[in-house]
Amino acid sequence: MDIRLPAALAAVCLAILGAPQAQAQDKIVIGISAGLTGYIATIDRAWVDAVRIGVDIVNQQGGVLGNKLEIVVEDNRSEPQEAVTAYRKMMSSDSAKVFISGCLSAGNFAAASIVTRQKIPMVLCSINAREPDQAKWMFSTLPPPAFEVETRLRYLRDKTQIRKVGVIYDQSPYAALLTNSAKEQGAKFEIEIVGTEQYQQTDADMSVIIKKLQAAGAGAILKMGVGPSTLTAAKNIKEMALGIPLLTSTEDIAVFRDVAQVLGKDFFFVAGPTQVYDAIPDGDPLKAAIAKFLTPWRAKYGDRDPTWAGRGYDSVLFVAEAIRRGQSFDGEKIRDQIEKISGFQGTSGAYNFDKSHYGITENPYVLAQIVDGKIAIVK
């Protein structure tokens, strides 16, 4: 009798039993809740496309801890409740280990409680929740809202005679934070906020609220929020011949080109580093980081705006770094390692995560216009 047969059979059985486990560890799922449709689509599509570029680069270099990264994307349609459904699906059906989600703050907030109960880190293109138990699992790649507000107020104080402004803002948590920041910082920059008016993203006409602010003494309008509504506001200002400037939030250049055609020299926007790449001095680490991203981005997407995309790309790289440092795909360990990241050079600046969980700690913004079809920094 050949006593080696049972041992051989045992080895085969062990291999078969072990195969599913090895296969399951072959890939690590990154979940993305993004507004591929709806008012935030221009931004979130760029975010998703850049996350894919980042994942491809990491995988080409061997993955993370011997595992390939895989992306699962769910369209939240720019609606908070759809975001909750998307997050639930990615946790239950796709076993997402970390989320690198888009810019719909309200959607990320709506899902935060169910995600953080599972101790899954959320790296976001949006602001973080205020609730401490949720915020400790959320990391924002956005510069703090106060930065883009002060960029506009500083220009008005230093370069114009305008001392009274009106604010229009959408229903998003981010726009509300921007509006509150304007109220808080106004006195510091010697600017009076004469009124604030909320609009809906579906509004086809904002003339009533804009005229109301102008009648209250506003010499300029600060718009808080993104999407096609910026063009609506510009058309209303033009049609009413108010002759006052519109200074709006950071946004995809594709939106701004149409607005610039309407308002011309009276249109200003907050620009991120990737939008003014050519103006960054050679040798600056920021320019080098942007250049590294722009090579694959432009090869695939040409001159498409890389601003929001760059932050998605950055997110993949520092999440991968956090996993390597912690030598684990465990949610708590990933969270702890992201919090320790300091001096990580990205496309929007150097990320220095700490207890606040906002990685960009120095204001990277400049005020810009579109002149002859090109982005120009306002001097």
Protein backbone atom coordinates (compact mmCIF):
# COMPACT_ATOMS: atom_id res chain seq x y z
CA MET A 1 0.00 0.00 0.00
CA ASP A 2 1.34 3.43 -0.96
CA ILE A 3 1.19 5.54 2.20
CA ARG A 4 2.04 8.70 0.22
CA LEU A 5 -1.42 8.86 -1.37
CA PRO A 6 -3.29 10.31 1.63
CA ALA A 7 -0.61 12.96 2.04
CA ALA A 8 -0.90 13.91 -1.61
CA LEU A 9 -4.66 14.07 -1.34
CA ALA A 10 -4.35 16.21 1.75
CA ALA A 11 -2.06 18.62 -0.08
CA VAL A 12 -4.53 18.89 -2.95
CA CYS A 13 -7.40 19.54 -0.54
CA LEU A 14 -5.43 22.21 1.26
CA ALA A 15 -4.61 23.90 -2.05
CA ILE A 16 -8.26 23.88 -3.10
CA LEU A 17 -9.44 25.19 0.26
CA GLY A 18 -6.77 27.84 0.25
CA ALA A 19 -7.42 29.06 -3.28
CA PRO A 20 -10.51 31.24 -2.58
CA GLN A 21 -8.72 33.02 0.26
CA ALA A 22 -5.70 33.82 -1.89
CA GLN A 23 -7.95 35.00 -4.70
CA ALA A 24 -9.95 37.20 -2.32
CA GLN A 25 -6.75 38.91 -1.22
CA ASP A 26 -5.68 39.46 -4.82
CA LYS A 27 -7.53 42.77 -5.05
CA ILE A 28 -8.40 45.60 -2.69
CA VAL A 29 -11.59 47.49 -3.49
CA ILE A 30 -11.74 51.28 -3.41
CA GLY A 31 -15.30 52.58 -3.46
CA ILE A 32 -16.30 55.86 -5.08
CA SER A 33 -19.64 57.62 -4.60
CA ALA A 34 -19.69 60.26 -7.33
CA GLY A 35 -22.14 62.49 -9.13
CA LEU A 36 -21.62 61.20 -12.64
CA THR A 37 -24.92 62.86 -13.49
CA GLY A 38 -26.58 65.94 -12.00
CA TYR A 39 -25.23 69.40 -11.21
CA ILE A 40 -21.86 68.23 -9.86
CA ALA A 41 -21.07 65.89 -12.75
CA THR A 42 -18.36 68.01 -14.40
CA ILE A 43 -16.26 67.92 -11.23
CA ASP A 44 -16.97 64.36 -10.12
CA ARG A 45 -16.33 62.80 -13.51
CA ALA A 46 -12.88 64.35 -13.50
CA TRP A 47 -12.32 63.08 -9.96
CA VAL A 48 -13.23 59.51 -10.92
CA ASP A 49 -11.10 59.54 -14.07
CA ALA A 50 -8.07 60.71 -12.10
CA VAL A 51 -8.59 58.11 -9.37
CA ARG A 52 -8.45 55.53 -12.16
CA ILE A 53 -5.14 56.99 -13.36
CA GLY A 54 -3.74 56.85 -9.83
CA VAL A 55 -4.85 53.24 -9.38
CA ASP A 56 -3.35 52.24 -12.72
CA ILE A 57 -0.01 53.76 -11.71
CA VAL A 58 0.00 52.02 -8.33
CA ASN A 59 -0.91 48.70 -9.92
CA GLN A 60 1.76 49.05 -12.60
CA GLN A 61 4.27 49.42 -9.78
CA GLY A 62 3.15 46.15 -8.20
CA GLY A 63 0.12 47.25 -6.23
CA VAL A 64 0.09 47.63 -2.47
CA LEU A 65 1.48 44.91 -0.20
CA GLY A 66 1.35 42.56 -3.16
CA ASN A 67 -2.32 43.28 -3.90
CA LYS A 68 -3.87 45.10 -6.83
CA LEU A 69 -6.24 48.00 -6.25
CA GLU A 70 -9.66 47.87 -7.87
CA ILE A 71 -12.25 50.65 -8.21
CA VAL A 72 -16.00 50.36 -7.85
CA VAL A 73 -17.95 53.50 -8.84
CA GLU A 74 -21.58 54.24 -8.02
CA ASP A 75 -23.41 57.24 -9.50
CA ASN A 76 -25.15 59.21 -6.73
CA ARG A 77 -26.77 61.47 -9.35
CA SER A 78 -25.73 64.50 -7.25
CA GLU A 79 -28.44 63.56 -4.73
CA PRO A 80 -27.82 62.79 -1.02
CA GLN A 81 -30.21 59.85 -0.76
CA GLU A 82 -28.74 58.25 -3.86
CA ALA A 83 -25.34 58.56 -2.19
CA VAL A 84 -26.57 56.59 0.82
CA THR A 85 -27.78 53.82 -1.49
CA ALA A 86 -24.45 53.84 -3.30
CA TYR A 87 -22.41 53.55 -0.12
CA ARG A 88 -24.60 50.72 1.20
CA LYS A 89 -24.16 48.78 -2.01
CA MET A 90 -20.40 49.20 -2.10
CA MET A 91 -20.04 48.05 1.50
CA SER A 92 -22.35 45.03 1.26
CA SER A 93 -21.81 43.79 -2.29
CA ASP A 94 -18.32 45.01 -3.14
CA SER A 95 -16.58 44.82 0.26
CA ALA A 96 -14.94 48.23 -0.16
CA LYS A 97 -11.99 48.71 2.20
CA VAL A 98 -11.70 52.47 1.76
CA PHE A 99 -13.71 55.18 0.01
CA ILE A 100 -12.20 57.86 -2.22
CA SER A 101 -15.42 59.68 -2.99
CA GLY A 102 -16.45 62.77 -4.91
CA CYS A 103 -17.50 66.30 -4.08
CA LEU A 104 -21.14 65.94 -3.00
CA SER A 105 -20.79 67.03 0.62
CA ALA A 106 -24.46 66.46 1.42
CA GLY A 107 -24.24 62.89 0.09
CA ASN A 108 -21.06 62.11 1.99
CA PHE A 109 -22.64 63.53 5.15
CA ALA A 110 -25.83 61.51 4.67
CA ALA A 111 -23.88 58.26 4.42
CA ALA A 112 -21.22 59.05 7.02
CA SER A 113 -22.96 57.41 9.97
CA ILE A 114 -23.39 54.03 8.24
CA VAL A 115 -19.89 54.09 6.77
CA THR A 116 -18.06 55.11 9.91
CA ARG A 117 -19.91 52.53 12.02
CA GLN A 118 -18.13 49.98 9.84
CA LYS A 119 -14.82 51.78 10.52
CA ILE A 120 -14.11 52.44 6.86
CA PRO A 121 -12.01 55.54 6.07
CA MET A 122 -13.52 58.15 3.75
CA VAL A 123 -11.12 60.27 1.67
CA LEU A 124 -13.20 62.98 0.07
CA CYS A 125 -13.42 65.73 -2.51
CA SER A 126 -15.75 67.49 -0.05
CA ILE A 127 -15.73 68.97 3.42
CA ASN A 128 -15.84 66.76 6.50
CA ALA A 129 -18.77 66.22 8.84
CA ARG A 130 -18.85 68.15 12.11
CA GLU A 131 -19.84 65.20 14.31
CA PRO A 132 -16.60 64.01 15.98
CA ASP A 133 -17.40 60.30 15.67
CA GLN A 134 -17.85 60.70 11.92
CA ALA A 135 -15.19 63.34 11.27
CA LYS A 136 -12.42 61.14 12.65
CA TRP A 137 -12.97 58.76 9.72
CA MET A 138 -13.19 61.48 7.06
CA PHE A 139 -10.25 63.17 5.31
CA SER A 140 -10.72 66.11 2.96
CA THR A 141 -8.46 66.90 0.01
CA LEU A 142 -10.10 70.32 -0.31
CA PRO A 143 -8.38 73.36 1.09
CA PRO A 144 -10.47 74.71 4.00
CA PRO A 145 -13.38 76.84 2.72
CA ALA A 146 -11.99 79.96 4.38
CA PHE A 147 -9.08 79.94 1.92
CA GLU A 148 -11.18 80.54 -1.18
CA VAL A 149 -13.26 83.19 0.59
CA GLU A 150 -10.22 85.15 1.76
CA THR A 151 -8.76 85.01 -1.76
CA ARG A 152 -11.76 86.95 -3.02
CA LEU A 153 -12.05 89.36 -0.09
CA ARG A 154 -8.35 90.22 -0.23
CA TYR A 155 -8.64 91.16 -3.89
CA LEU A 156 -11.62 93.42 -3.23
CA ARG A 157 -9.83 95.16 -0.37
CA ASP A 158 -6.45 95.55 -2.02
CA LYS A 159 -7.33 96.10 -5.68
CA THR A 160 -10.77 97.76 -5.75
CA GLN A 161 -12.83 100.44 -4.08
CA ILE A 162 -15.66 97.99 -3.44
CA ARG A 163 -16.47 97.69 0.26
CA LYS A 164 -19.98 96.23 0.16
CA VAL A 165 -20.85 92.84 -1.35
CA GLY A 166 -23.78 90.47 -1.54
CA VAL A 167 -23.60 86.68 -1.29
CA ILE A 168 -25.63 84.10 -3.20
CA TYR A 169 -25.23 80.45 -2.21
CA ASP A 170 -26.71 77.05 -2.99
CA GLN A 171 -28.15 74.45 -0.60
CA SER A 172 -24.95 72.42 -0.19
CA PRO A 173 -23.08 72.22 3.14
CA TYR A 174 -19.96 73.51 1.40
CA ALA A 175 -21.70 76.64 0.14
CA ALA A 176 -23.12 77.24 3.63
CA LEU A 177 -19.62 77.07 5.09
CA LEU A 178 -18.34 79.50 2.47
CA THR A 179 -21.15 81.92 3.30
CA ASN A 180 -20.48 81.73 7.03
CA SER A 181 -16.79 82.28 6.37
CA ALA A 182 -17.58 85.41 4.36
CA LYS A 183 -19.61 86.76 7.27
CA GLU A 184 -16.82 85.97 9.72
CA GLN A 185 -13.98 87.35 7.59
CA GLY A 186 -15.71 90.41 6.18
CA ALA A 187 -14.64 92.80 8.94
CA LYS A 188 -11.05 91.54 8.78
CA PHE A 189 -10.89 92.58 5.12
CA GLU A 190 -12.93 95.78 5.60
CA ILE A 191 -15.76 94.34 3.50
CA GLU A 192 -19.41 94.59 4.54
CA ILE A 193 -21.75 91.73 3.63
CA VAL A 194 -25.00 93.57 2.88
CA GLY A 195 -27.03 90.39 2.46
CA THR A 196 -27.06 86.67 1.71
CA GLU A 197 -29.55 84.93 -0.56
CA GLN A 198 -29.96 81.21 -1.19
CA TYR A 199 -30.83 79.71 -4.56
CA GLN A 200 -31.61 76.21 -5.80
CA GLN A 201 -29.48 74.45 -8.41
CA THR A 202 -32.60 74.10 -10.55
CA ASP A 203 -33.35 77.83 -10.56
CA ALA A 204 -33.53 79.18 -14.11
CA ASP A 205 -33.49 82.80 -12.96
CA MET A 206 -31.68 84.49 -10.07
CA SER A 207 -32.42 88.05 -11.11
CA VAL A 208 -34.70 88.78 -8.15
CA ILE A 209 -32.16 87.88 -5.46
CA ILE A 210 -29.26 89.51 -7.31
CA LYS A 211 -31.21 92.73 -7.84
CA LYS A 212 -32.18 92.70 -4.16
CA LEU A 213 -28.53 92.55 -3.11
CA GLN A 214 -27.54 95.26 -5.57
CA ALA A 215 -30.31 97.49 -4.23
CA ALA A 216 -28.93 96.91 -0.71
CA GLY A 217 -25.66 98.45 -1.84
CA ALA A 218 -23.67 95.46 -3.08
CA GLY A 219 -20.89 96.53 -5.42
CA ALA A 220 -20.05 92.90 -6.22
CA ILE A 221 -21.64 89.47 -5.94
CA LEU A 222 -19.86 86.55 -4.30
CA LYS A 223 -21.28 83.25 -5.51
CA MET A 224 -20.80 80.25 -3.24
CA GLY A 225 -21.24 76.90 -4.98
CA VAL A 226 -20.57 75.15 -8.27
CA GLY A 227 -22.46 73.97 -11.33
CA PRO A 228 -24.39 75.54 -14.23
CA SER A 229 -25.97 78.06 -11.84
CA THR A 230 -22.86 80.21 -12.28
CA LEU A 231 -23.81 80.82 -15.90
CA THR A 232 -27.37 81.63 -14.85
CA ALA A 233 -26.14 84.27 -12.40
CA ALA A 234 -23.83 85.78 -15.03
CA LYS A 235 -26.62 86.04 -17.60
CA ASN A 236 -28.89 87.75 -15.07
CA ILE A 237 -26.22 90.34 -14.18
CA LYS A 238 -25.65 91.01 -17.88
CA GLU A 239 -29.34 91.22 -18.78
CA MET A 240 -30.03 93.69 -15.97
CA ALA A 241 -26.97 95.76 -16.98
CA LEU A 242 -25.88 95.99 -13.35
CA GLY A 243 -22.22 96.47 -14.23
CA ILE A 244 -21.02 94.72 -11.08
CA PRO A 245 -18.45 91.91 -10.88
CA LEU A 246 -19.22 88.30 -10.10
CA LEU A 247 -16.59 86.50 -8.01
CA THR A 248 -17.28 82.79 -7.81
CA SER A 249 -15.98 79.60 -6.23
CA THR A 250 -13.36 77.27 -7.61
CA GLU A 251 -14.82 75.17 -10.43
CA ASP A 252 -14.07 73.33 -13.65
CA ILE A 253 -12.82 75.66 -16.38
CA ALA A 254 -15.32 74.18 -18.82
CA VAL A 255 -18.04 75.96 -16.85
CA PHE A 256 -16.10 79.21 -16.57
CA ARG A 257 -15.39 79.65 -20.28
CA ASP A 258 -19.08 80.18 -21.03
CA VAL A 259 -19.43 82.54 -18.06
CA ALA A 260 -16.45 84.59 -19.21
CA GLN A 261 -18.06 85.06 -22.63
CA VAL A 262 -21.06 86.62 -20.89
CA LEU A 263 -19.40 88.88 -18.31
CA GLY A 264 -15.89 89.36 -19.70
CA LYS A 265 -13.74 91.51 -17.40
CA ASP A 266 -16.43 91.47 -14.70
CA PHE A 267 -16.01 87.74 -14.04
CA PHE A 268 -13.48 86.44 -11.49
CA PHE A 269 -12.92 82.98 -10.04
CA VAL A 270 -10.80 81.21 -7.47
CA ALA A 271 -8.15 79.12 -9.24
CA GLY A 272 -6.19 76.14 -7.94
CA PRO A 273 -2.51 75.42 -8.70
CA THR A 274 -3.14 73.05 -11.60
CA GLN A 275 -5.20 75.71 -13.38
CA VAL A 276 -2.26 78.14 -13.27
CA TYR A 277 0.48 75.55 -13.71
CA ASP A 278 2.51 77.63 -16.18
CA ALA A 279 2.81 80.47 -13.66
CA ILE A 280 4.40 78.27 -10.97
CA PRO A 281 8.19 78.74 -10.87
CA ASP A 282 10.36 75.95 -12.24
CA GLY A 283 11.99 73.98 -9.46
CA ASP A 284 9.01 74.36 -7.13
CA PRO A 285 8.06 70.91 -5.70
CA LEU A 286 4.41 71.77 -6.35
CA LYS A 287 5.08 72.21 -10.07
CA ALA A 288 6.98 68.92 -10.18
CA ALA A 289 4.07 67.08 -8.54
CA ILE A 290 1.58 68.61 -10.97
CA ALA A 291 3.80 67.76 -13.95
CA LYS A 292 3.97 64.14 -12.87
CA PHE A 293 0.18 63.98 -12.88
CA LEU A 294 -0.35 66.03 -16.03
CA THR A 295 1.69 63.61 -18.16
CA PRO A 296 -0.81 60.71 -17.96
CA TRP A 297 -3.79 63.07 -17.62
CA ARG A 298 -3.07 65.01 -20.80
CA ALA A 299 -2.14 61.85 -22.69
CA LYS A 300 -5.67 60.61 -22.05
CA TYR A 301 -7.77 63.78 -21.73
CA GLY A 302 -5.90 66.56 -23.51
CA ASP A 303 -6.54 70.04 -22.10
CA ARG A 304 -9.46 69.00 -19.90
CA ASP A 305 -9.33 70.83 -16.54
CA PRO A 306 -7.11 68.85 -14.13
CA THR A 307 -7.90 70.71 -10.89
CA TRP A 308 -10.43 68.42 -9.22
CA ALA A 309 -8.89 65.45 -10.96
CA GLY A 310 -5.51 66.14 -9.39
CA ARG A 311 -6.96 65.79 -5.90
CA GLY A 312 -8.42 62.40 -6.79
CA TYR A 313 -5.04 61.27 -8.08
CA ASP A 314 -3.36 62.58 -4.91
CA SER A 315 -5.84 60.62 -2.80
CA VAL A 316 -4.90 57.28 -4.33
CA LEU A 317 -1.21 57.91 -3.76
CA PHE A 318 -1.45 58.87 -0.11
CA VAL A 319 -3.97 56.12 0.67
CA ALA A 320 -1.56 53.61 -0.86
CA GLU A 321 1.24 55.13 1.23
CA ALA A 322 -0.88 54.86 4.39
CA ILE A 323 -1.54 51.18 3.71
CA ARG A 324 2.15 50.52 3.21
CA ARG A 325 3.07 52.32 6.41
CA GLY A 326 0.52 50.40 8.42
CA GLN A 327 1.25 47.13 6.62
CA SER A 328 -2.48 46.42 6.70
CA PHE A 329 -5.80 46.86 4.88
CA ASP A 330 -7.62 47.15 8.20
CA GLY A 331 -9.77 50.28 8.28
CA GLU A 332 -8.55 51.54 11.64
CA LYS A 333 -4.91 51.15 10.68
CA ILE A 334 -5.44 52.93 7.37
CA ARG A 335 -7.22 55.75 9.21
CA ASP A 336 -4.43 56.08 11.76
CA GLN A 337 -1.73 56.20 9.08
CA ILE A 338 -3.52 58.81 6.95
CA GLU A 339 -3.73 61.02 10.01
CA LYS A 340 0.06 60.80 10.37
CA ILE A 341 0.81 61.86 6.79
CA SER A 342 2.85 65.07 6.72
CA GLY A 343 4.62 66.90 3.92
CA PHE A 344 3.13 64.65 1.23
CA GLN A 345 3.48 66.74 -1.92
CA GLY A 346 0.38 66.69 -4.07
CA THR A 347 -1.10 68.67 -6.94
CA SER A 348 -2.93 71.14 -4.66
CA GLY A 349 -0.09 71.59 -2.20
CA ALA A 350 1.61 69.59 0.54
CA TYR A 351 -0.78 67.41 2.53
CA ASN A 352 -0.35 67.63 6.30
CA PHE A 353 -3.12 65.61 7.89
CA ASP A 354 -3.62 65.97 11.59
CA LYS A 355 -6.58 66.01 13.96
CA SER A 356 -8.44 68.48 11.74
CA HIS A 357 -8.35 66.03 8.77
CA TYR A 358 -7.97 68.81 6.21
CA GLY A 359 -4.76 67.99 4.38
CA ILE A 360 -4.06 71.34 2.71
CA THR A 361 -2.95 73.72 5.45
CA GLU A 362 -1.60 76.62 3.35
CA ASN A 363 -3.76 78.64 0.98
CA PRO A 364 -2.98 77.47 -2.58
CA TYR A 365 -5.53 79.68 -4.34
CA VAL A 366 -5.17 82.74 -6.56
CA LEU A 367 -7.85 84.91 -8.15
CA ALA A 368 -8.07 84.50 -11.90
CA GLN A 369 -9.94 85.52 -15.04
CA ILE A 370 -10.24 84.16 -18.55
CA VAL A 371 -8.67 86.57 -21.02
CA ASP A 372 -8.64 85.76 -24.75
CA GLY A 373 -9.60 82.19 -23.90
CA LYS A 374 -6.72 81.68 -21.47
CA ILE A 375 -6.52 81.67 -17.67
CA ALA A 376 -4.82 84.78 -16.31
CA ILE A 377 -3.90 85.43 -12.68
CA VAL A 378 -5.29 88.74 -11.46
CA LYS A 379 -2.41 90.95 -10.38
